[in-house]
PDB file of all heavy atoms in Angstrom:
ATOM      1  N   PRO A   1       7.277  -1.495  51.140  1.00  0.00           N
ATOM      2  CA  PRO A   1       8.651  -1.602  51.638  1.00  0.00           C
ATOM      3  C   PRO A   1       9.613  -2.080  50.546  1.00  0.00           C
ATOM      4  O   PRO A   1       9.264  -2.913  49.712  1.00  0.00           O
ATOM      5  CB  PRO A   1       8.566  -2.635  52.754  1.00  0.00           C
ATOM      6  CG  PRO A   1       7.129  -2.728  53.104  1.00  0.00           C
ATOM      7  CD  PRO A   1       6.367  -2.369  51.871  1.00  0.00           C
ATOM      8  N   THR A   2      10.798  -1.521  50.565  1.00  0.00           N
ATOM      9  CA  THR A   2      11.841  -1.948  49.638  1.00  0.00           C
ATOM     10  C   THR A   2      12.180  -3.404  49.941  1.00  0.00           C
ATOM     11  O   THR A   2      12.414  -3.770  51.091  1.00  0.00           O
ATOM     12  CB  THR A   2      13.079  -1.048  49.800  1.00  0.00           C
ATOM     13  OG1 THR A   2      12.677   0.314  49.573  1.00  0.00           O
ATOM     14  CG2 THR A   2      14.176  -1.417  48.822  1.00  0.00           C
ATOM     15  N   LEU A   3      12.190  -4.225  48.916  1.00  0.00           N
ATOM     16  CA  LEU A   3      12.436  -5.656  49.093  1.00  0.00           C
ATOM     17  C   LEU A   3      13.845  -5.919  49.623  1.00  0.00           C
ATOM     18  O   LEU A   3      14.768  -5.147  49.363  1.00  0.00           O
ATOM     19  CB  LEU A   3      12.223  -6.393  47.776  1.00  0.00           C
ATOM     20  CG  LEU A   3      10.809  -6.309  47.198  1.00  0.00           C
ATOM     21  CD1 LEU A   3      10.754  -6.980  45.837  1.00  0.00           C
ATOM     22  CD2 LEU A   3       9.785  -6.917  48.143  1.00  0.00           C
ATOM     23  N   SER A   4      14.018  -7.024  50.336  1.00  0.00           N
ATOM     24  CA  SER A   4      15.300  -7.324  50.987  1.00  0.00           C
ATOM     25  C   SER A   4      16.456  -7.410  49.987  1.00  0.00           C
ATOM     26  O   SER A   4      17.540  -6.895  50.252  1.00  0.00           O
ATOM     27  CB  SER A   4      15.213  -8.592  51.821  1.00  0.00           C
ATOM     28  OG  SER A   4      14.870  -9.687  51.027  1.00  0.00           O
ATOM     29  N   LYS A   5      16.249  -8.030  48.851  1.00  0.00           N
ATOM     30  CA  LYS A   5      17.322  -8.134  47.844  1.00  0.00           C
ATOM     31  C   LYS A   5      17.731  -6.738  47.359  1.00  0.00           C
ATOM     32  O   LYS A   5      18.918  -6.455  47.182  1.00  0.00           O
ATOM     33  CB  LYS A   5      16.850  -8.983  46.665  1.00  0.00           C
ATOM     34  CG  LYS A   5      17.886  -9.137  45.584  1.00  0.00           C
ATOM     35  CD  LYS A   5      17.372  -9.982  44.432  1.00  0.00           C
ATOM     36  CE  LYS A   5      18.418 -10.054  43.338  1.00  0.00           C
ATOM     37  NZ  LYS A   5      17.983 -10.858  42.198  1.00  0.00           N
ATOM     38  N   THR A   6      16.751  -5.872  47.183  1.00  0.00           N
ATOM     39  CA  THR A   6      17.022  -4.503  46.742  1.00  0.00           C
ATOM     40  C   THR A   6      17.750  -3.727  47.835  1.00  0.00           C
ATOM     41  O   THR A   6      18.736  -3.038  47.567  1.00  0.00           O
ATOM     42  CB  THR A   6      15.707  -3.794  46.357  1.00  0.00           C
ATOM     43  OG1 THR A   6      15.000  -4.596  45.408  1.00  0.00           O
ATOM     44  CG2 THR A   6      15.981  -2.430  45.760  1.00  0.00           C
ATOM     45  N   ARG A   7      17.274  -3.851  49.081  1.00  0.00           N
ATOM     46  CA  ARG A   7      17.930  -3.158  50.202  1.00  0.00           C
ATOM     47  C   ARG A   7      19.386  -3.591  50.320  1.00  0.00           C
ATOM     48  O   ARG A   7      20.286  -2.768  50.485  1.00  0.00           O
ATOM     49  CB  ARG A   7      17.199  -3.448  51.521  1.00  0.00           C
ATOM     50  CG  ARG A   7      15.841  -2.829  51.616  1.00  0.00           C
ATOM     51  CD  ARG A   7      15.280  -2.854  53.043  1.00  0.00           C
ATOM     52  NE  ARG A   7      15.456  -4.093  53.762  1.00  0.00           N
ATOM     53  CZ  ARG A   7      14.581  -5.104  53.778  1.00  0.00           C
ATOM     54  NH1 ARG A   7      13.471  -5.041  53.073  1.00  0.00           N
ATOM     55  NH2 ARG A   7      14.825  -6.181  54.506  1.00  0.00           N
ATOM     56  N   GLN A   8      19.604  -4.887  50.235  1.00  0.00           N
ATOM     57  CA  GLN A   8      20.965  -5.405  50.345  1.00  0.00           C
ATOM     58  C   GLN A   8      21.836  -4.861  49.210  1.00  0.00           C
ATOM     59  O   GLN A   8      22.970  -4.446  49.439  1.00  0.00           O
ATOM     60  CB  GLN A   8      20.949  -6.924  50.338  1.00  0.00           C
ATOM     61  CG  GLN A   8      22.278  -7.534  50.712  1.00  0.00           C
ATOM     62  CD  GLN A   8      22.141  -9.021  50.996  1.00  0.00           C
ATOM     63  OE1 GLN A   8      21.321  -9.717  50.392  1.00  0.00           O
ATOM     64  NE2 GLN A   8      22.943  -9.515  51.913  1.00  0.00           N
ATOM     65  N   GLY A   9      21.289  -4.834  48.005  1.00  0.00           N
ATOM     66  CA  GLY A   9      22.024  -4.292  46.861  1.00  0.00           C
ATOM     67  C   GLY A   9      22.342  -2.819  47.026  1.00  0.00           C
ATOM     68  O   GLY A   9      23.456  -2.363  46.729  1.00  0.00           O
ATOM     69  N   ILE A  10      21.373  -2.051  47.522  1.00  0.00           N
ATOM     70  CA  ILE A  10      21.582  -0.614  47.734  1.00  0.00           C
ATOM     71  C   ILE A  10      22.726  -0.392  48.721  1.00  0.00           C
ATOM     72  O   ILE A  10      23.645   0.382  48.470  1.00  0.00           O
ATOM     73  CB  ILE A  10      20.290   0.058  48.254  1.00  0.00           C
ATOM     74  CG1 ILE A  10      19.245   0.125  47.139  1.00  0.00           C
ATOM     75  CG2 ILE A  10      20.586   1.448  48.818  1.00  0.00           C
ATOM     76  CD1 ILE A  10      17.857   0.531  47.608  1.00  0.00           C
ATOM     77  N   PHE A  11      22.679  -1.067  49.850  1.00  0.00           N
ATOM     78  CA  PHE A  11      23.707  -0.828  50.871  1.00  0.00           C
ATOM     79  C   PHE A  11      25.062  -1.415  50.481  1.00  0.00           C
ATOM     80  O   PHE A  11      26.096  -0.838  50.817  1.00  0.00           O
ATOM     81  CB  PHE A  11      23.227  -1.288  52.251  1.00  0.00           C
ATOM     82  CG  PHE A  11      22.296  -0.277  52.855  1.00  0.00           C
ATOM     83  CD1 PHE A  11      20.921  -0.435  52.755  1.00  0.00           C
ATOM     84  CD2 PHE A  11      22.792   0.850  53.478  1.00  0.00           C
ATOM     85  CE1 PHE A  11      20.061   0.519  53.275  1.00  0.00           C
ATOM     86  CE2 PHE A  11      21.948   1.810  54.011  1.00  0.00           C
ATOM     87  CZ  PHE A  11      20.573   1.642  53.905  1.00  0.00           C
ATOM     88  N   ASN A  12      25.082  -2.526  49.751  1.00  0.00           N
ATOM     89  CA  ASN A  12      26.369  -3.041  49.257  1.00  0.00           C
ATOM     90  C   ASN A  12      27.020  -2.017  48.333  1.00  0.00           C
ATOM     91  O   ASN A  12      28.216  -1.745  48.439  1.00  0.00           O
ATOM     92  CB  ASN A  12      26.186  -4.379  48.539  1.00  0.00           C
ATOM     93  CG  ASN A  12      25.916  -5.522  49.496  1.00  0.00           C
ATOM     94  OD1 ASN A  12      26.102  -5.412  50.694  1.00  0.00           O
ATOM     95  ND2 ASN A  12      25.445  -6.634  48.950  1.00  0.00           N
ATOM     96  N   ALA A  13      26.232  -1.443  47.427  1.00  0.00           N
ATOM     97  CA  ALA A  13      26.767  -0.421  46.512  1.00  0.00           C
ATOM     98  C   ALA A  13      27.155   0.835  47.279  1.00  0.00           C
ATOM     99  O   ALA A  13      28.238   1.399  47.067  1.00  0.00           O
ATOM    100  CB  ALA A  13      25.738  -0.096  45.434  1.00  0.00           C
ATOM    101  N   LEU A  14      26.285   1.269  48.178  1.00  0.00           N
ATOM    102  CA  LEU A  14      26.527   2.497  48.933  1.00  0.00           C
ATOM    103  C   LEU A  14      27.807   2.418  49.758  1.00  0.00           C
ATOM    104  O   LEU A  14      28.595   3.367  49.799  1.00  0.00           O
ATOM    105  CB  LEU A  14      25.322   2.779  49.843  1.00  0.00           C
ATOM    106  CG  LEU A  14      25.346   4.062  50.653  1.00  0.00           C
ATOM    107  CD1 LEU A  14      25.484   5.278  49.756  1.00  0.00           C
ATOM    108  CD2 LEU A  14      24.081   4.151  51.495  1.00  0.00           C
ATOM    109  N   LEU A  15      28.044   1.278  50.383  1.00  0.00           N
ATOM    110  CA  LEU A  15      29.219   1.145  51.238  1.00  0.00           C
ATOM    111  C   LEU A  15      30.530   1.089  50.450  1.00  0.00           C
ATOM    112  O   LEU A  15      31.600   1.215  51.032  1.00  0.00           O
ATOM    113  CB  LEU A  15      29.075  -0.058  52.170  1.00  0.00           C
ATOM    114  CG  LEU A  15      27.941   0.092  53.201  1.00  0.00           C
ATOM    115  CD1 LEU A  15      27.796  -1.164  54.029  1.00  0.00           C
ATOM    116  CD2 LEU A  15      28.142   1.312  54.077  1.00  0.00           C
ATOM    117  N   THR A  16      30.455   0.936  49.133  1.00  0.00           N
ATOM    118  CA  THR A  16      31.664   1.068  48.311  1.00  0.00           C
ATOM    119  C   THR A  16      31.936   2.533  47.983  1.00  0.00           C
ATOM    120  O   THR A  16      33.015   2.886  47.556  1.00  0.00           O
ATOM    121  CB  THR A  16      31.560   0.276  46.980  1.00  0.00           C
ATOM    122  OG1 THR A  16      30.564   0.872  46.156  1.00  0.00           O
ATOM    123  CG2 THR A  16      31.269  -1.190  47.231  1.00  0.00           C
ATOM    124  N   MET A  17      30.930   3.391  48.216  1.00  0.00           N
ATOM    125  CA  MET A  17      31.043   4.812  47.884  1.00  0.00           C
ATOM    126  C   MET A  17      31.260   5.712  49.091  1.00  0.00           C
ATOM    127  O   MET A  17      31.761   6.821  48.953  1.00  0.00           O
ATOM    128  CB  MET A  17      29.774   5.277  47.164  1.00  0.00           C
ATOM    129  CG  MET A  17      29.496   4.612  45.853  1.00  0.00           C
ATOM    130  SD  MET A  17      27.994   5.318  45.124  1.00  0.00           S
ATOM    131  CE  MET A  17      27.012   3.847  44.910  1.00  0.00           C
ATOM    132  N   ILE A  18      30.838   5.249  50.270  1.00  0.00           N
ATOM    133  CA  ILE A  18      30.868   6.119  51.441  1.00  0.00           C
ATOM    134  C   ILE A  18      31.050   5.294  52.713  1.00  0.00           C
ATOM    135  O   ILE A  18      30.505   4.208  52.835  1.00  0.00           O
ATOM    136  CB  ILE A  18      29.561   6.958  51.503  1.00  0.00           C
ATOM    137  CG1 ILE A  18      29.663   8.094  52.509  1.00  0.00           C
ATOM    138  CG2 ILE A  18      28.353   6.099  51.765  1.00  0.00           C
ATOM    139  CD1 ILE A  18      28.546   9.111  52.368  1.00  0.00           C
ATOM    140  N   GLU A  19      31.815   5.821  53.629  1.00  0.00           N
ATOM    141  CA  GLU A  19      32.020   5.196  54.944  1.00  0.00           C
ATOM    142  C   GLU A  19      30.920   5.729  55.871  1.00  0.00           C
ATOM    143  O   GLU A  19      30.778   6.941  56.032  1.00  0.00           O
ATOM    144  CB  GLU A  19      33.407   5.580  55.475  1.00  0.00           C
ATOM    145  CG  GLU A  19      33.634   5.342  56.951  1.00  0.00           C
ATOM    146  CD  GLU A  19      33.500   3.887  57.365  1.00  0.00           C
ATOM    147  OE1 GLU A  19      33.987   3.007  56.635  1.00  0.00           O
ATOM    148  OE2 GLU A  19      32.922   3.643  58.435  1.00  0.00           O
ATOM    149  N   PRO A  20      30.105   4.866  56.489  1.00  0.00           N
ATOM    150  CA  PRO A  20      28.944   5.327  57.255  1.00  0.00           C
ATOM    151  C   PRO A  20      29.249   6.004  58.591  1.00  0.00           C
ATOM    152  O   PRO A  20      28.412   6.752  59.095  1.00  0.00           O
ATOM    153  CB  PRO A  20      28.140   4.046  57.483  1.00  0.00           C
ATOM    154  CG  PRO A  20      29.110   2.937  57.345  1.00  0.00           C
ATOM    155  CD  PRO A  20      30.155   3.416  56.376  1.00  0.00           C
ATOM    156  N   LYS A  21      30.429   5.774  59.148  1.00  0.00           N
ATOM    157  CA  LYS A  21      30.745   6.336  60.467  1.00  0.00           C
ATOM    158  C   LYS A  21      30.625   7.865  60.430  1.00  0.00           C
ATOM    159  O   LYS A  21      31.200   8.528  59.585  1.00  0.00           O
ATOM    160  CB  LYS A  21      32.161   5.921  60.885  1.00  0.00           C
ATOM    161  CG  LYS A  21      32.520   6.334  62.302  1.00  0.00           C
ATOM    162  CD  LYS A  21      33.893   5.798  62.662  1.00  0.00           C
ATOM    163  CE  LYS A  21      34.406   6.117  64.014  1.00  0.00           C
ATOM    164  NZ  LYS A  21      33.855   7.128  64.804  1.00  0.00           N
ATOM    165  N   ASP A  22      29.836   8.402  61.354  1.00  0.00           N
ATOM    166  CA  ASP A  22      29.601   9.841  61.481  1.00  0.00           C
ATOM    167  C   ASP A  22      28.908  10.457  60.268  1.00  0.00           C
ATOM    168  O   ASP A  22      29.020  11.661  60.035  1.00  0.00           O
ATOM    169  CB  ASP A  22      30.907  10.596  61.762  1.00  0.00           C
ATOM    170  CG  ASP A  22      31.585  10.133  63.038  1.00  0.00           C
ATOM    171  OD1 ASP A  22      30.871   9.854  64.024  1.00  0.00           O
ATOM    172  OD2 ASP A  22      32.825  10.027  63.045  1.00  0.00           O
ATOM    173  N   LYS A  23      28.194   9.633  59.510  1.00  0.00           N
ATOM    174  CA  LYS A  23      27.482  10.135  58.332  1.00  0.00           C
ATOM    175  C   LYS A  23      25.972  10.109  58.588  1.00  0.00           C
ATOM    176  O   LYS A  23      25.461   9.284  59.337  1.00  0.00           O
ATOM    177  CB  LYS A  23      27.795   9.295  57.089  1.00  0.00           C
ATOM    178  CG  LYS A  23      29.270   9.278  56.688  1.00  0.00           C
ATOM    179  CD  LYS A  23      29.746  10.615  56.213  1.00  0.00           C
ATOM    180  CE  LYS A  23      31.095  10.634  55.538  1.00  0.00           C
ATOM    181  NZ  LYS A  23      32.221  10.168  56.280  1.00  0.00           N
ATOM    182  N   VAL A  24      25.267  11.029  57.928  1.00  0.00           N
ATOM    183  CA  VAL A  24      23.831  11.202  58.121  1.00  0.00           C
ATOM    184  C   VAL A  24      23.073  10.693  56.897  1.00  0.00           C
ATOM    185  O   VAL A  24      23.395  11.044  55.759  1.00  0.00           O
ATOM    186  CB  VAL A  24      23.493  12.692  58.378  1.00  0.00           C
ATOM    187  CG1 VAL A  24      21.988  12.903  58.497  1.00  0.00           C
ATOM    188  CG2 VAL A  24      24.201  13.185  59.635  1.00  0.00           C
ATOM    189  N   PHE A  25      22.049   9.883  57.144  1.00  0.00           N
ATOM    190  CA  PHE A  25      21.203   9.267  56.130  1.00  0.00           C
ATOM    191  C   PHE A  25      19.795   9.816  56.300  1.00  0.00           C
ATOM    192  O   PHE A  25      19.190   9.645  57.354  1.00  0.00           O
ATOM    193  CB  PHE A  25      21.220   7.746  56.334  1.00  0.00           C
ATOM    194  CG  PHE A  25      20.469   6.939  55.321  1.00  0.00           C
ATOM    195  CD1 PHE A  25      21.151   6.285  54.299  1.00  0.00           C
ATOM    196  CD2 PHE A  25      19.087   6.785  55.401  1.00  0.00           C
ATOM    197  CE1 PHE A  25      20.463   5.507  53.369  1.00  0.00           C
ATOM    198  CE2 PHE A  25      18.401   6.004  54.483  1.00  0.00           C
ATOM    199  CZ  PHE A  25      19.090   5.368  53.462  1.00  0.00           C
ATOM    200  N   PHE A  26      19.272  10.508  55.284  1.00  0.00           N
ATOM    201  CA  PHE A  26      17.887  10.976  55.298  1.00  0.00           C
ATOM    202  C   PHE A  26      17.041   9.961  54.542  1.00  0.00           C
ATOM    203  O   PHE A  26      17.350   9.623  53.406  1.00  0.00           O
ATOM    204  CB  PHE A  26      17.731  12.323  54.591  1.00  0.00           C
ATOM    205  CG  PHE A  26      18.235  13.531  55.348  1.00  0.00           C
ATOM    206  CD1 PHE A  26      18.169  14.771  54.747  1.00  0.00           C
ATOM    207  CD2 PHE A  26      18.750  13.459  56.622  1.00  0.00           C
ATOM    208  CE1 PHE A  26      18.613  15.914  55.398  1.00  0.00           C
ATOM    209  CE2 PHE A  26      19.210  14.577  57.292  1.00  0.00           C
ATOM    210  CZ  PHE A  26      19.128  15.829  56.676  1.00  0.00           C
ATOM    211  N   ASP A  27      15.969   9.503  55.168  1.00  0.00           N
ATOM    212  CA  ASP A  27      15.023   8.567  54.550  1.00  0.00           C
ATOM    213  C   ASP A  27      13.734   9.348  54.291  1.00  0.00           C
ATOM    214  O   ASP A  27      12.881   9.467  55.167  1.00  0.00           O
ATOM    215  CB  ASP A  27      14.790   7.386  55.496  1.00  0.00           C
ATOM    216  CG  ASP A  27      13.894   6.308  54.932  1.00  0.00           C
ATOM    217  OD1 ASP A  27      13.492   6.406  53.757  1.00  0.00           O
ATOM    218  OD2 ASP A  27      13.593   5.359  55.677  1.00  0.00           O
ATOM    219  N   LEU A  28      13.617   9.909  53.069  1.00  0.00           N
ATOM    220  CA  LEU A  28      12.435  10.691  52.725  1.00  0.00           C
ATOM    221  C   LEU A  28      11.296   9.751  52.360  1.00  0.00           C
ATOM    222  O   LEU A  28      11.510   8.755  51.682  1.00  0.00           O
ATOM    223  CB  LEU A  28      12.734  11.615  51.548  1.00  0.00           C
ATOM    224  CG  LEU A  28      13.960  12.531  51.650  1.00  0.00           C
ATOM    225  CD1 LEU A  28      13.959  13.537  50.501  1.00  0.00           C
ATOM    226  CD2 LEU A  28      14.043  13.239  52.987  1.00  0.00           C
ATOM    227  N   PHE A  29      10.091  10.085  52.804  1.00  0.00           N
ATOM    228  CA  PHE A  29       8.911   9.264  52.525  1.00  0.00           C
ATOM    229  C   PHE A  29       9.145   7.858  53.087  1.00  0.00           C
ATOM    230  O   PHE A  29       9.051   6.858  52.386  1.00  0.00           O
ATOM    231  CB  PHE A  29       8.607   9.240  51.015  1.00  0.00           C
ATOM    232  CG  PHE A  29       8.731  10.605  50.375  1.00  0.00           C
ATOM    233  CD1 PHE A  29       9.857  10.961  49.664  1.00  0.00           C
ATOM    234  CD2 PHE A  29       7.718  11.540  50.530  1.00  0.00           C
ATOM    235  CE1 PHE A  29       9.992  12.224  49.102  1.00  0.00           C
ATOM    236  CE2 PHE A  29       7.839  12.813  49.973  1.00  0.00           C
ATOM    237  CZ  PHE A  29       8.984  13.155  49.254  1.00  0.00           C
ATOM    238  N   ALA A  30       9.458   7.792  54.369  1.00  0.00           N
ATOM    239  CA  ALA A  30      10.003   6.597  55.022  1.00  0.00           C
ATOM    240  C   ALA A  30       9.122   5.358  54.968  1.00  0.00           C
ATOM    241  O   ALA A  30       9.640   4.245  55.019  1.00  0.00           O
ATOM    242  CB  ALA A  30      10.364   6.914  56.472  1.00  0.00           C
ATOM    243  N   GLY A  31       7.809   5.513  54.905  1.00  0.00           N
ATOM    244  CA  GLY A  31       6.944   4.329  54.817  1.00  0.00           C
ATOM    245  C   GLY A  31       7.141   3.394  55.997  1.00  0.00           C
ATOM    246  O   GLY A  31       6.875   3.750  57.136  1.00  0.00           O
ATOM    247  N   SER A  32       7.657   2.211  55.749  1.00  0.00           N
ATOM    248  CA  SER A  32       7.847   1.216  56.811  1.00  0.00           C
ATOM    249  C   SER A  32       9.003   1.564  57.751  1.00  0.00           C
ATOM    250  O   SER A  32       9.099   1.026  58.844  1.00  0.00           O
ATOM    251  CB  SER A  32       8.111  -0.159  56.198  1.00  0.00           C
ATOM    252  OG  SER A  32       9.384  -0.171  55.569  1.00  0.00           O
ATOM    253  N   GLY A  33       9.894   2.438  57.309  1.00  0.00           N
ATOM    254  CA  GLY A  33      11.073   2.777  58.114  1.00  0.00           C
ATOM    255  C   GLY A  33      12.218   1.793  57.951  1.00  0.00           C
ATOM    256  O   GLY A  33      13.284   1.963  58.550  1.00  0.00           O
ATOM    257  N   ILE A  34      12.049   0.780  57.105  1.00  0.00           N
ATOM    258  CA  ILE A  34      13.068  -0.267  56.981  1.00  0.00           C
ATOM    259  C   ILE A  34      14.389   0.273  56.436  1.00  0.00           C
ATOM    260  O   ILE A  34      15.456  -0.193  56.842  1.00  0.00           O
ATOM    261  CB  ILE A  34      12.550  -1.470  56.150  1.00  0.00           C
ATOM    262  CG1 ILE A  34      13.483  -2.670  56.283  1.00  0.00           C
ATOM    263  CG2 ILE A  34      12.344  -1.097  54.690  1.00  0.00           C
ATOM    264  CD1 ILE A  34      13.547  -3.288  57.649  1.00  0.00           C
ATOM    265  N   MET A  35      14.350   1.277  55.556  1.00  0.00           N
ATOM    266  CA  MET A  35      15.610   1.813  55.027  1.00  0.00           C
ATOM    267  C   MET A  35      16.389   2.541  56.127  1.00  0.00           C
ATOM    268  O   MET A  35      17.611   2.457  56.175  1.00  0.00           O
ATOM    269  CB  MET A  35      15.360   2.726  53.826  1.00  0.00           C
ATOM    270  CG  MET A  35      14.884   1.976  52.589  1.00  0.00           C
ATOM    271  SD  MET A  35      16.008   0.681  52.015  1.00  0.00           S
ATOM    272  CE  MET A  35      17.333   1.657  51.331  1.00  0.00           C
ATOM    273  N   SER A  36      15.686   3.225  57.000  1.00  0.00           N
ATOM    274  CA  SER A  36      16.354   3.876  58.136  1.00  0.00           C
ATOM    275  C   SER A  36      16.991   2.834  59.049  1.00  0.00           C
ATOM    276  O   SER A  36      18.124   3.004  59.507  1.00  0.00           O
ATOM    277  CB  SER A  36      15.362   4.720  58.937  1.00  0.00           C
ATOM    278  OG  SER A  36      14.916   5.812  58.185  1.00  0.00           O
ATOM    279  N   LEU A  37      16.273   1.764  59.308  1.00  0.00           N
ATOM    280  CA  LEU A  37      16.815   0.697  60.156  1.00  0.00           C
ATOM    281  C   LEU A  37      18.031   0.034  59.513  1.00  0.00           C
ATOM    282  O   LEU A  37      19.012  -0.261  60.193  1.00  0.00           O
ATOM    283  CB  LEU A  37      15.734  -0.334  60.472  1.00  0.00           C
ATOM    284  CG  LEU A  37      14.654   0.144  61.444  1.00  0.00           C
ATOM    285  CD1 LEU A  37      13.479  -0.817  61.460  1.00  0.00           C
ATOM    286  CD2 LEU A  37      15.227   0.346  62.834  1.00  0.00           C
ATOM    287  N   GLU A  38      17.977  -0.182  58.211  1.00  0.00           N
ATOM    288  CA  GLU A  38      19.125  -0.741  57.489  1.00  0.00           C
ATOM    289  C   GLU A  38      20.322   0.205  57.603  1.00  0.00           C
ATOM    290  O   GLU A  38      21.456  -0.231  57.817  1.00  0.00           O
ATOM    291  CB  GLU A  38      18.794  -0.979  56.012  1.00  0.00           C
ATOM    292  CG  GLU A  38      17.769  -2.059  55.752  1.00  0.00           C
ATOM    293  CD  GLU A  38      18.335  -3.470  55.726  1.00  0.00           C
ATOM    294  OE1 GLU A  38      19.530  -3.681  56.021  1.00  0.00           O
ATOM    295  OE2 GLU A  38      17.561  -4.388  55.398  1.00  0.00           O
ATOM    296  N   ALA A  39      20.066   1.506  57.481  1.00  0.00           N
ATOM    297  CA  ALA A  39      21.142   2.499  57.574  1.00  0.00           C
ATOM    298  C   ALA A  39      21.765   2.500  58.969  1.00  0.00           C
ATOM    299  O   ALA A  39      22.993   2.485  59.122  1.00  0.00           O
ATOM    300  CB  ALA A  39      20.606   3.886  57.211  1.00  0.00           C
TER     301      ALA A  39
END
């Protein structure tokens, strides 16, 4: 699983680039599914 500090960093950066409302997030090779849940 992607570590919490990394997940937080990814989404902090991502949310400066894209507004999530009505947007689709593909989690390839989902593993634990935590990235989908974060999204």
